[in-house]
Amino acid sequence: MRDVRNKATTLVVVDDRGGETLVAHLDASCPDMVLVDLLARMHLASRRGGMGLRIRDASPGLIELIELCGLTCVLALEASGQPELGEELGVDEVVKPADPPL
């Protein structure tokens, strides 16, 4: 039996204070429109409850379907994978105002 936690898409609900609650690990290796519809409905329900929904470690196929449906701006997709050499995952580069433009 394979370890679902290493390959699955993770859904997390975020409350108004930034606290996170794990909702589910989904096997999105073969995504379809039913899954995109479910994610959109879960997002809507969480927003109505004053919370947000984050999607982590989405498969490339799921990301493409979400883009095709025009839901990229609606559904919060978080980056997955390994950081590049010399970078930390989830940390943006800090730019100082005195830095000259490239």
Protein backbone atom coordinates (compact mmCIF):
# COMPACT_ATOMS: atom_id res chain seq x y z
CA MET A 1 0.00 0.00 0.00
CA ARG A 2 1.41 3.39 -0.94
CA ASP A 3 1.82 6.25 1.50
CA VAL A 4 -0.94 8.73 0.58
CA ARG A 5 0.61 11.58 2.57
CA ASN A 6 3.60 11.79 0.23
CA LYS A 7 1.64 11.91 -3.04
CA ALA A 8 -1.69 13.47 -2.11
CA THR A 9 -3.10 16.94 -2.56
CA THR A 10 -3.76 18.47 0.85
CA LEU A 11 -6.77 20.65 1.70
CA VAL A 12 -6.42 23.03 4.63
CA VAL A 13 -9.07 25.40 6.05
CA VAL A 14 -7.68 28.68 7.39
CA ASP A 15 -9.59 30.71 9.99
CA ASP A 16 -9.59 34.50 10.26
CA ARG A 17 -6.64 34.44 12.70
CA GLY A 18 -4.47 32.34 10.39
CA GLY A 19 -4.98 29.03 12.22
CA GLU A 20 -4.99 26.01 9.94
CA THR A 21 -7.06 22.83 10.13
CA LEU A 22 -6.32 19.84 7.92
CA VAL A 23 -9.44 18.84 6.01
CA ALA A 24 -8.30 16.02 3.73
CA HIS A 25 -5.58 14.32 1.72
CA LEU A 26 -6.91 13.74 -1.82
CA ASP A 27 -5.55 11.42 -4.46
CA ALA A 28 -5.53 13.89 -7.34
CA SER A 29 -3.25 11.86 -9.61
CA CYS A 30 -6.06 11.65 -12.21
CA PRO A 31 -8.06 14.84 -11.61
CA ASP A 32 -11.36 15.53 -13.34
CA MET A 33 -14.04 18.22 -13.41
CA VAL A 34 -15.87 16.56 -10.50
CA LEU A 35 -12.84 17.23 -8.28
CA VAL A 36 -12.55 20.85 -9.46
CA ASP A 37 -16.28 21.32 -8.75
CA LEU A 38 -15.83 19.84 -5.27
CA LEU A 39 -12.90 22.17 -4.55
CA ALA A 40 -14.87 25.21 -5.75
CA ARG A 41 -17.86 24.24 -3.56
CA MET A 42 -15.60 23.65 -0.54
CA HIS A 43 -13.99 27.05 -1.14
CA LEU A 44 -17.40 28.73 -1.31
CA ALA A 45 -18.58 27.00 1.89
CA SER A 46 -15.43 27.97 3.76
CA ARG A 47 -15.73 31.62 2.60
CA ARG A 48 -19.35 31.72 3.75
CA GLY A 49 -18.12 30.54 7.15
CA GLY A 50 -15.55 33.34 7.29
CA MET A 51 -12.61 31.08 6.50
CA GLY A 52 -10.46 30.21 3.52
CA LEU A 53 -9.41 27.02 1.76
CA ARG A 54 -5.82 26.31 0.71
CA ILE A 55 -4.78 23.59 -1.70
CA ARG A 56 -1.27 22.25 -1.19
CA ASP A 57 0.83 19.91 -3.32
CA ALA A 58 -1.60 19.92 -6.25
CA SER A 59 -0.66 17.68 -9.15
CA PRO A 60 0.23 19.34 -12.47
CA GLY A 61 -2.97 17.92 -13.98
CA LEU A 62 -5.13 19.45 -11.25
CA ILE A 63 -3.39 22.81 -11.65
CA GLU A 64 -4.04 22.71 -15.41
CA LEU A 65 -7.74 21.93 -14.88
CA ILE A 66 -8.10 24.75 -12.35
CA GLU A 67 -6.44 27.13 -14.84
CA LEU A 68 -8.68 25.87 -17.66
CA CYS A 69 -11.76 26.61 -15.56
CA GLY A 70 -10.52 30.12 -14.76
CA LEU A 71 -10.43 29.41 -11.03
CA THR A 72 -6.76 30.19 -10.46
CA CYS A 73 -7.60 33.52 -8.81
CA VAL A 74 -10.33 31.92 -6.69
CA LEU A 75 -8.75 28.72 -5.41
CA ALA A 76 -5.63 29.28 -3.30
CA LEU A 77 -2.97 26.97 -4.71
CA GLU A 78 0.17 26.79 -2.61
CA ALA A 79 3.52 25.96 -4.16
CA SER A 80 4.81 22.47 -3.71
CA GLY A 81 8.10 20.80 -4.29
CA GLN A 82 11.59 21.56 -3.18
CA PRO A 83 13.08 25.06 -2.89
CA GLU A 84 15.77 26.06 -5.35
CA LEU A 85 19.38 26.02 -4.27
CA GLY A 86 19.97 28.71 -1.65
CA GLU A 87 16.26 29.42 -1.10
CA GLU A 88 13.76 28.48 1.56
CA LEU A 89 10.32 27.20 0.58
CA GLY A 90 7.67 29.88 1.24
CA VAL A 91 10.18 32.71 1.76
CA ASP A 92 10.11 35.56 -0.73
CA GLU A 93 13.16 37.63 -1.54
CA VAL A 94 13.39 40.82 0.47
CA VAL A 95 14.00 43.92 -1.61
CA LYS A 96 15.38 47.04 0.05
CA PRO A 97 14.13 50.37 -1.33
CA ALA A 98 17.74 51.49 -1.94
CA ASP A 99 18.47 48.51 -4.22
CA PRO A 100 18.91 49.57 -7.86
CA PRO A 101 16.55 47.93 -10.36
CA LEU A 102 17.94 45.14 -12.50
